[in-house]
Amino acid sequence: MPYQVTVVNWQQAKQQLKTVREKVFVCEYRIPYDVEFDRHDRKAHHVLVTEENCNEPIATGRITNQGEISRIAVVISKRKTPAGRQVIETLLGIARNNNLKEVYINSSLDAVDYFARHHFIPVGAVFMEAGLPRQRMVCSLSKIDFKRFYLSH
């Protein structure tokens, strides 16, 4: 199924972004609502992936001006599709367009190998965030070939 990948701001797409994150983080992962939605939402750059034919939100993620990639969420029925990769690629494109030198993500332990395959390097010790073990992963944007990325507005 074709997807529409869009860069949005919080005020513009708040309800669609919340729909995906509530399904994934609040309901599925049991992250408290007040932890999931924080002060960074208003200032971050958000990516929203919707199904083209019905405009249903299926994936999202955000990046701060400091280069923190976070809140990557894909609804369970779409996790074997390219939606999550499209979110990450678009977030990396935003970082490049904002002249960031590197980005980082506080990865769940089961995703460390995935990010390592995409030029992210573990930094520091494993730590707890919202009751879940995390590993900070850093990626220099000079390591990534941006010719294959598509950024839609």
N, C-alpha and C. Protein backbone atom coordinates (compact mmCIF):
# COMPACT_ATOMS: atom_id res chain seq x y z
N MET A 1 0.84 -1.18 0.00
CA MET A 1 0.00 0.00 0.00
C MET A 1 0.89 1.25 0.00
N PRO A 2 0.61 2.24 -0.83
CA PRO A 2 1.43 3.45 -0.86
C PRO A 2 1.20 4.34 0.36
N TYR A 3 2.29 5.02 0.74
CA TYR A 3 2.24 5.88 1.91
C TYR A 3 2.59 7.31 1.54
N GLN A 4 2.06 8.23 2.33
CA GLN A 4 2.40 9.64 2.21
C GLN A 4 3.25 10.00 3.41
N VAL A 5 4.46 10.48 3.18
CA VAL A 5 5.38 10.89 4.25
C VAL A 5 5.42 12.41 4.25
N THR A 6 5.08 13.01 5.40
CA THR A 6 4.97 14.46 5.48
C THR A 6 5.70 14.97 6.71
N VAL A 7 6.39 16.10 6.55
CA VAL A 7 6.98 16.80 7.69
C VAL A 7 5.92 17.77 8.19
N VAL A 8 5.59 17.67 9.47
CA VAL A 8 4.52 18.49 10.05
C VAL A 8 5.00 19.12 11.36
N ASN A 9 4.28 20.15 11.80
CA ASN A 9 4.56 20.67 13.13
C ASN A 9 3.46 20.18 14.08
N TRP A 10 3.74 20.28 15.35
CA TRP A 10 2.85 19.73 16.37
C TRP A 10 1.45 20.33 16.29
N GLN A 11 1.35 21.64 16.16
CA GLN A 11 0.04 22.29 16.13
C GLN A 11 -0.78 21.84 14.92
N GLN A 12 -0.12 21.63 13.80
CA GLN A 12 -0.78 21.26 12.55
C GLN A 12 -1.35 19.84 12.58
N ALA A 13 -0.63 18.91 13.20
CA ALA A 13 -1.01 17.50 13.10
C ALA A 13 -1.07 16.80 14.45
N LYS A 14 -1.30 17.55 15.50
CA LYS A 14 -1.29 17.02 16.86
C LYS A 14 -2.15 15.77 17.02
N GLN A 15 -3.37 15.80 16.52
CA GLN A 15 -4.27 14.66 16.73
C GLN A 15 -3.79 13.41 16.02
N GLN A 16 -3.30 13.54 14.80
CA GLN A 16 -2.81 12.37 14.07
C GLN A 16 -1.54 11.80 14.72
N LEU A 17 -0.65 12.67 15.14
CA LEU A 17 0.58 12.23 15.82
C LEU A 17 0.23 11.52 17.13
N LYS A 18 -0.68 12.11 17.89
CA LYS A 18 -1.09 11.50 19.16
C LYS A 18 -1.75 10.15 18.96
N THR A 19 -2.54 10.02 17.90
CA THR A 19 -3.22 8.75 17.63
C THR A 19 -2.21 7.61 17.53
N VAL A 20 -1.16 7.80 16.74
CA VAL A 20 -0.15 6.75 16.56
C VAL A 20 0.60 6.51 17.87
N ARG A 21 1.06 7.57 18.52
CA ARG A 21 1.86 7.41 19.73
C ARG A 21 1.06 6.84 20.89
N GLU A 22 -0.21 7.17 20.99
CA GLU A 22 -1.04 6.57 22.04
C GLU A 22 -1.19 5.07 21.82
N LYS A 23 -1.44 4.66 20.57
CA LYS A 23 -1.58 3.23 20.27
C LYS A 23 -0.31 2.47 20.63
N VAL A 24 0.84 3.01 20.21
CA VAL A 24 2.11 2.29 20.37
C VAL A 24 2.67 2.44 21.78
N PHE A 25 2.86 3.66 22.24
CA PHE A 25 3.58 3.86 23.50
C PHE A 25 2.69 3.79 24.74
N VAL A 26 1.53 4.42 24.71
CA VAL A 26 0.67 4.43 25.90
C VAL A 26 -0.05 3.09 26.07
N CYS A 27 -0.68 2.60 25.01
CA CYS A 27 -1.44 1.35 25.13
C CYS A 27 -0.54 0.11 25.08
N GLU A 28 0.32 0.02 24.07
CA GLU A 28 1.12 -1.18 23.87
C GLU A 28 2.28 -1.29 24.85
N TYR A 29 3.04 -0.20 25.01
CA TYR A 29 4.24 -0.23 25.87
C TYR A 29 3.98 0.27 27.29
N ARG A 30 2.77 0.75 27.54
CA ARG A 30 2.36 1.20 28.88
C ARG A 30 3.20 2.37 29.41
N ILE A 31 3.63 3.25 28.51
CA ILE A 31 4.32 4.47 28.93
C ILE A 31 3.25 5.42 29.45
N PRO A 32 3.46 6.02 30.62
CA PRO A 32 2.46 6.97 31.12
C PRO A 32 2.25 8.12 30.14
N TYR A 33 1.01 8.53 30.00
CA TYR A 33 0.63 9.58 29.06
C TYR A 33 1.45 10.84 29.27
N ASP A 34 1.63 11.25 30.52
CA ASP A 34 2.35 12.50 30.80
C ASP A 34 3.85 12.38 30.55
N VAL A 35 4.37 11.18 30.43
CA VAL A 35 5.77 10.97 30.06
C VAL A 35 5.90 10.97 28.53
N GLU A 36 4.95 10.34 27.88
CA GLU A 36 5.00 10.23 26.42
C GLU A 36 4.90 11.58 25.72
N PHE A 37 4.02 12.42 26.18
CA PHE A 37 3.82 13.72 25.55
C PHE A 37 4.49 14.78 26.43
N ASP A 38 5.55 15.39 25.89
CA ASP A 38 6.36 16.29 26.70
C ASP A 38 6.52 17.65 26.04
N ARG A 39 7.29 18.49 26.68
CA ARG A 39 7.49 19.87 26.21
C ARG A 39 8.24 19.95 24.88
N HIS A 40 8.95 18.89 24.51
CA HIS A 40 9.70 18.90 23.26
C HIS A 40 8.79 18.79 22.03
N ASP A 41 7.58 18.27 22.21
CA ASP A 41 6.68 18.11 21.07
C ASP A 41 6.41 19.42 20.34
N ARG A 42 6.23 20.49 21.08
CA ARG A 42 5.88 21.77 20.46
C ARG A 42 6.99 22.34 19.58
N LYS A 43 8.25 22.03 19.90
CA LYS A 43 9.37 22.62 19.16
C LYS A 43 10.04 21.66 18.18
N ALA A 44 9.75 20.38 18.29
CA ALA A 44 10.41 19.38 17.43
C ALA A 44 9.83 19.40 16.02
N HIS A 45 10.61 18.83 15.10
CA HIS A 45 10.15 18.58 13.74
C HIS A 45 9.56 17.17 13.75
N HIS A 46 8.35 17.02 13.27
CA HIS A 46 7.67 15.73 13.29
C HIS A 46 7.49 15.19 11.87
N VAL A 47 7.53 13.87 11.77
CA VAL A 47 7.25 13.18 10.51
C VAL A 47 5.98 12.37 10.75
N LEU A 48 5.09 12.44 9.80
CA LEU A 48 3.84 11.69 9.86
C LEU A 48 3.71 10.86 8.59
N VAL A 49 3.48 9.57 8.76
CA VAL A 49 3.24 8.68 7.62
C VAL A 49 1.78 8.27 7.67
N THR A 50 1.10 8.46 6.55
CA THR A 50 -0.31 8.07 6.44
C THR A 50 -0.48 7.16 5.24
N GLU A 51 -1.52 6.33 5.30
CA GLU A 51 -1.87 5.53 4.13
C GLU A 51 -2.50 6.47 3.12
N GLU A 52 -2.01 6.41 1.90
CA GLU A 52 -2.44 7.36 0.88
C GLU A 52 -3.93 7.28 0.57
N ASN A 53 -4.48 6.09 0.51
CA ASN A 53 -5.87 5.95 0.08
C ASN A 53 -6.89 6.38 1.13
N CYS A 54 -6.53 6.33 2.41
CA CYS A 54 -7.52 6.67 3.44
C CYS A 54 -7.02 7.73 4.42
N ASN A 55 -5.78 8.18 4.26
CA ASN A 55 -5.19 9.21 5.11
C ASN A 55 -5.10 8.80 6.58
N GLU A 56 -5.10 7.50 6.85
CA GLU A 56 -4.99 7.00 8.22
C GLU A 56 -3.53 7.09 8.69
N PRO A 57 -3.28 7.70 9.87
CA PRO A 57 -1.91 7.79 10.37
C PRO A 57 -1.40 6.42 10.82
N ILE A 58 -0.18 6.06 10.37
CA ILE A 58 0.35 4.75 10.71
C ILE A 58 1.74 4.80 11.35
N ALA A 59 2.45 5.94 11.21
CA ALA A 59 3.79 6.02 11.78
C ALA A 59 4.16 7.47 12.03
N THR A 60 5.07 7.66 12.96
CA THR A 60 5.54 9.01 13.27
C THR A 60 6.92 8.94 13.93
N GLY A 61 7.53 10.08 14.03
CA GLY A 61 8.79 10.24 14.73
C GLY A 61 9.09 11.73 14.81
N ARG A 62 10.07 12.08 15.62
CA ARG A 62 10.40 13.50 15.74
C ARG A 62 11.91 13.66 15.90
N ILE A 63 12.37 14.88 15.63
CA ILE A 63 13.76 15.25 15.86
C ILE A 63 13.79 16.66 16.43
N THR A 64 14.61 16.84 17.45
CA THR A 64 14.76 18.17 18.05
C THR A 64 15.85 18.94 17.32
N ASN A 65 15.94 20.22 17.58
CA ASN A 65 16.99 21.04 16.97
C ASN A 65 18.37 20.66 17.48
N GLN A 66 18.45 19.90 18.58
CA GLN A 66 19.72 19.43 19.11
C GLN A 66 20.13 18.09 18.50
N GLY A 67 19.28 17.51 17.64
CA GLY A 67 19.61 16.27 16.96
C GLY A 67 19.11 15.01 17.62
N GLU A 68 18.23 15.13 18.61
CA GLU A 68 17.69 13.93 19.24
C GLU A 68 16.52 13.40 18.43
N ILE A 69 16.67 12.19 17.94
CA ILE A 69 15.60 11.49 17.25
C ILE A 69 14.85 10.68 18.29
N SER A 70 13.53 10.81 18.31
CA SER A 70 12.76 10.09 19.32
C SER A 70 11.32 9.90 18.87
N ARG A 71 10.58 9.18 19.69
CA ARG A 71 9.15 8.94 19.50
C ARG A 71 8.84 8.31 18.15
N ILE A 72 9.74 7.44 17.68
CA ILE A 72 9.48 6.70 16.45
C ILE A 72 8.47 5.62 16.78
N ALA A 73 7.32 5.69 16.13
CA ALA A 73 6.24 4.75 16.41
C ALA A 73 5.60 4.32 15.11
N VAL A 74 5.38 3.01 14.98
CA VAL A 74 4.67 2.44 13.84
C VAL A 74 3.59 1.53 14.40
N VAL A 75 2.36 1.72 13.95
CA VAL A 75 1.27 0.87 14.46
C VAL A 75 1.60 -0.58 14.14
N ILE A 76 1.16 -1.48 14.99
CA ILE A 76 1.58 -2.88 14.94
C ILE A 76 1.30 -3.54 13.59
N SER A 77 0.20 -3.21 12.95
CA SER A 77 -0.15 -3.85 11.68
C SER A 77 0.73 -3.41 10.52
N LYS A 78 1.56 -2.38 10.72
CA LYS A 78 2.40 -1.84 9.64
C LYS A 78 3.89 -1.98 9.92
N ARG A 79 4.28 -2.75 10.92
CA ARG A 79 5.68 -2.83 11.31
C ARG A 79 6.55 -3.59 10.32
N LYS A 80 5.94 -4.38 9.46
CA LYS A 80 6.74 -5.11 8.46
C LYS A 80 6.74 -4.39 7.12
N THR A 81 6.33 -3.13 7.13
CA THR A 81 6.32 -2.30 5.92
C THR A 81 7.49 -1.32 5.99
N PRO A 82 7.72 -0.56 4.93
CA PRO A 82 8.81 0.43 4.95
C PRO A 82 8.51 1.69 5.77
N ALA A 83 7.38 1.76 6.44
CA ALA A 83 6.97 2.99 7.12
C ALA A 83 8.00 3.47 8.15
N GLY A 84 8.52 2.58 8.98
CA GLY A 84 9.49 2.98 10.00
C GLY A 84 10.78 3.48 9.38
N ARG A 85 11.25 2.81 8.35
CA ARG A 85 12.46 3.25 7.65
C ARG A 85 12.24 4.62 7.02
N GLN A 86 11.05 4.85 6.47
CA GLN A 86 10.75 6.15 5.86
C GLN A 86 10.77 7.26 6.91
N VAL A 87 10.29 6.97 8.11
CA VAL A 87 10.33 7.96 9.19
C VAL A 87 11.78 8.32 9.49
N ILE A 88 12.62 7.31 9.69
CA ILE A 88 14.02 7.56 10.05
C ILE A 88 14.74 8.31 8.94
N GLU A 89 14.56 7.89 7.70
CA GLU A 89 15.22 8.57 6.58
C GLU A 89 14.79 10.03 6.49
N THR A 90 13.52 10.30 6.71
CA THR A 90 13.03 11.67 6.64
C THR A 90 13.59 12.50 7.80
N LEU A 91 13.65 11.91 9.00
CA LEU A 91 14.24 12.62 10.14
C LEU A 91 15.72 12.94 9.89
N LEU A 92 16.44 12.02 9.29
CA LEU A 92 17.85 12.28 8.95
C LEU A 92 17.95 13.38 7.89
N GLY A 93 17.03 13.42 6.96
CA GLY A 93 16.99 14.50 5.97
C GLY A 93 16.74 15.85 6.62
N ILE A 94 15.87 15.89 7.61
CA ILE A 94 15.62 17.13 8.35
C ILE A 94 16.90 17.58 9.06
N ALA A 95 17.60 16.63 9.68
CA ALA A 95 18.86 16.96 10.37
C ALA A 95 19.86 17.56 9.39
N ARG A 96 19.98 16.96 8.25
CA ARG A 96 20.91 17.46 7.24
C ARG A 96 20.51 18.86 6.77
N ASN A 97 19.22 19.06 6.50
CA ASN A 97 18.75 20.37 6.06
C ASN A 97 18.95 21.45 7.12
N ASN A 98 19.04 21.04 8.39
CA ASN A 98 19.27 21.99 9.48
C ASN A 98 20.75 22.06 9.86
N ASN A 99 21.61 21.50 9.00
CA ASN A 99 23.06 21.56 9.17
C ASN A 99 23.57 20.95 10.47
N LEU A 100 22.89 19.92 10.95
CA LEU A 100 23.38 19.21 12.12
C LEU A 100 24.54 18.32 11.70
N LYS A 101 25.52 18.17 12.55
CA LYS A 101 26.69 17.32 12.26
C LYS A 101 26.43 15.87 12.64
N GLU A 102 25.61 15.67 13.70
CA GLU A 102 25.30 14.32 14.14
C GLU A 102 23.92 14.30 14.78
N VAL A 103 23.39 13.10 14.89
CA VAL A 103 22.11 12.88 15.54
C VAL A 103 22.30 11.77 16.56
N TYR A 104 21.36 11.66 17.49
CA TYR A 104 21.40 10.57 18.45
C TYR A 104 20.00 10.08 18.75
N ILE A 105 19.96 8.86 19.23
CA ILE A 105 18.69 8.24 19.60
C ILE A 105 18.93 7.41 20.85
N ASN A 106 17.98 7.43 21.76
CA ASN A 106 18.02 6.55 22.93
C ASN A 106 17.24 5.30 22.56
N SER A 107 17.96 4.33 22.04
CA SER A 107 17.38 3.14 21.44
C SER A 107 16.95 2.11 22.48
N SER A 108 15.85 1.42 22.20
CA SER A 108 15.52 0.24 22.99
C SER A 108 16.60 -0.80 22.68
N LEU A 109 16.86 -1.69 23.62
CA LEU A 109 17.94 -2.65 23.44
C LEU A 109 17.72 -3.58 22.25
N ASP A 110 16.47 -3.89 21.95
CA ASP A 110 16.21 -4.77 20.81
C ASP A 110 16.41 -4.10 19.45
N ALA A 111 16.59 -2.78 19.44
CA ALA A 111 16.80 -2.06 18.18
C ALA A 111 18.26 -1.62 17.99
N VAL A 112 19.13 -1.92 18.95
CA VAL A 112 20.53 -1.49 18.86
C VAL A 112 21.19 -2.03 17.59
N ASP A 113 21.00 -3.30 17.28
CA ASP A 113 21.62 -3.88 16.08
C ASP A 113 21.11 -3.21 14.81
N TYR A 114 19.83 -2.90 14.77
CA TYR A 114 19.25 -2.21 13.61
C TYR A 114 19.95 -0.87 13.39
N PHE A 115 20.06 -0.08 14.45
CA PHE A 115 20.70 1.24 14.30
C PHE A 115 22.19 1.10 14.02
N ALA A 116 22.83 0.10 14.59
CA ALA A 116 24.25 -0.13 14.32
C ALA A 116 24.47 -0.42 12.84
N ARG A 117 23.57 -1.15 12.20
CA ARG A 117 23.68 -1.42 10.76
C ARG A 117 23.51 -0.16 9.93
N HIS A 118 22.96 0.88 10.54
CA HIS A 118 22.74 2.15 9.83
C HIS A 118 23.67 3.26 10.35
N HIS A 119 24.87 2.86 10.76
CA HIS A 119 25.96 3.78 11.12
C HIS A 119 25.81 4.48 12.47
N PHE A 120 24.91 4.01 13.31
CA PHE A 120 24.81 4.55 14.67
C PHE A 120 25.77 3.77 15.56
N ILE A 121 26.43 4.47 16.48
CA ILE A 121 27.42 3.86 17.37
C ILE A 121 26.93 3.99 18.81
N PRO A 122 26.97 2.90 19.60
CA PRO A 122 26.59 2.99 21.01
C PRO A 122 27.55 3.91 21.77
N VAL A 123 26.99 4.74 22.65
CA VAL A 123 27.78 5.65 23.47
C VAL A 123 27.32 5.52 24.91
N GLY A 124 28.25 5.27 25.82
CA GLY A 124 27.92 5.19 27.23
C GLY A 124 27.26 3.88 27.61
N ALA A 125 26.83 3.83 28.86
CA ALA A 125 26.22 2.63 29.42
C ALA A 125 24.71 2.61 29.18
N VAL A 126 24.15 1.43 29.28
CA VAL A 126 22.69 1.28 29.21
C VAL A 126 22.08 2.01 30.40
N PHE A 127 20.96 2.68 30.18
CA PHE A 127 20.28 3.43 31.23
C PHE A 127 18.78 3.18 31.14
N MET A 128 18.07 3.59 32.17
CA MET A 128 16.62 3.41 32.19
C MET A 128 15.93 4.72 31.82
N GLU A 129 14.91 4.60 30.97
CA GLU A 129 14.10 5.75 30.57
C GLU A 129 12.65 5.29 30.52
N ALA A 130 11.78 5.93 31.27
CA ALA A 130 10.37 5.56 31.34
C ALA A 130 10.20 4.08 31.68
N GLY A 131 11.09 3.56 32.53
CA GLY A 131 11.00 2.18 32.98
C GLY A 131 11.54 1.16 32.00
N LEU A 132 12.17 1.61 30.91
CA LEU A 132 12.69 0.70 29.89
C LEU A 132 14.20 0.91 29.72
N PRO A 133 14.97 -0.19 29.54
CA PRO A 133 16.41 -0.03 29.31
C PRO A 133 16.68 0.58 27.93
N ARG A 134 17.63 1.52 27.89
CA ARG A 134 17.96 2.24 26.66
C ARG A 134 19.46 2.31 26.46
N GLN A 135 19.85 2.44 25.22
CA GLN A 135 21.25 2.65 24.85
C GLN A 135 21.30 3.88 23.95
N ARG A 136 22.10 4.88 24.33
CA ARG A 136 22.27 6.04 23.46
C ARG A 136 23.12 5.62 22.26
N MET A 137 22.64 5.99 21.07
CA MET A 137 23.33 5.68 19.82
C MET A 137 23.52 7.00 19.07
N VAL A 138 24.74 7.22 18.56
CA VAL A 138 25.07 8.47 17.88
C VAL A 138 25.48 8.15 16.45
N CYS A 139 25.11 9.06 15.53
CA CYS A 139 25.47 8.88 14.13
C CYS A 139 25.94 10.20 13.55
N SER A 140 27.12 10.20 12.97
CA SER A 140 27.62 11.36 12.24
C SER A 140 26.92 11.40 10.90
N LEU A 141 26.38 12.55 10.54
CA LEU A 141 25.65 12.65 9.28
C LEU A 141 26.59 12.52 8.08
N SER A 142 27.88 12.70 8.28
CA SER A 142 28.83 12.53 7.18
C SER A 142 28.96 11.07 6.76
N LYS A 143 28.49 10.14 7.58
CA LYS A 143 28.55 8.70 7.29
C LYS A 143 27.41 8.23 6.39
N ILE A 144 26.41 9.09 6.17
CA ILE A 144 25.19 8.66 5.49
C ILE A 144 25.15 9.24 4.08
N ASP A 145 24.78 8.40 3.12
CA ASP A 145 24.60 8.83 1.74
C ASP A 145 23.18 9.36 1.59
N PHE A 146 23.05 10.68 1.46
CA PHE A 146 21.72 11.29 1.41
C PHE A 146 21.09 11.25 0.03
N LYS A 147 21.79 10.76 -0.96
CA LYS A 147 21.21 10.71 -2.30
C LYS A 147 19.99 9.82 -2.35
N ARG A 148 19.89 8.86 -1.46
CA ARG A 148 18.76 7.92 -1.50
C ARG A 148 17.58 8.39 -0.67
N PHE A 149 17.71 9.52 0.02
CA PHE A 149 16.63 9.99 0.88
C PHE A 149 15.69 10.91 0.13
N TYR A 150 14.43 10.82 0.48
CA TYR A 150 13.40 11.65 -0.10
C TYR A 150 12.73 12.41 1.03
N LEU A 151 12.67 13.72 0.91
CA LEU A 151 12.05 14.53 1.96
C LEU A 151 10.82 15.21 1.37
N SER A 152 9.67 14.90 1.92
CA SER A 152 8.41 15.45 1.45
C SER A 152 7.90 16.49 2.44
N HIS A 153 7.38 17.58 1.94
CA HIS A 153 6.80 18.61 2.81
C HIS A 153 5.32 18.67 2.62
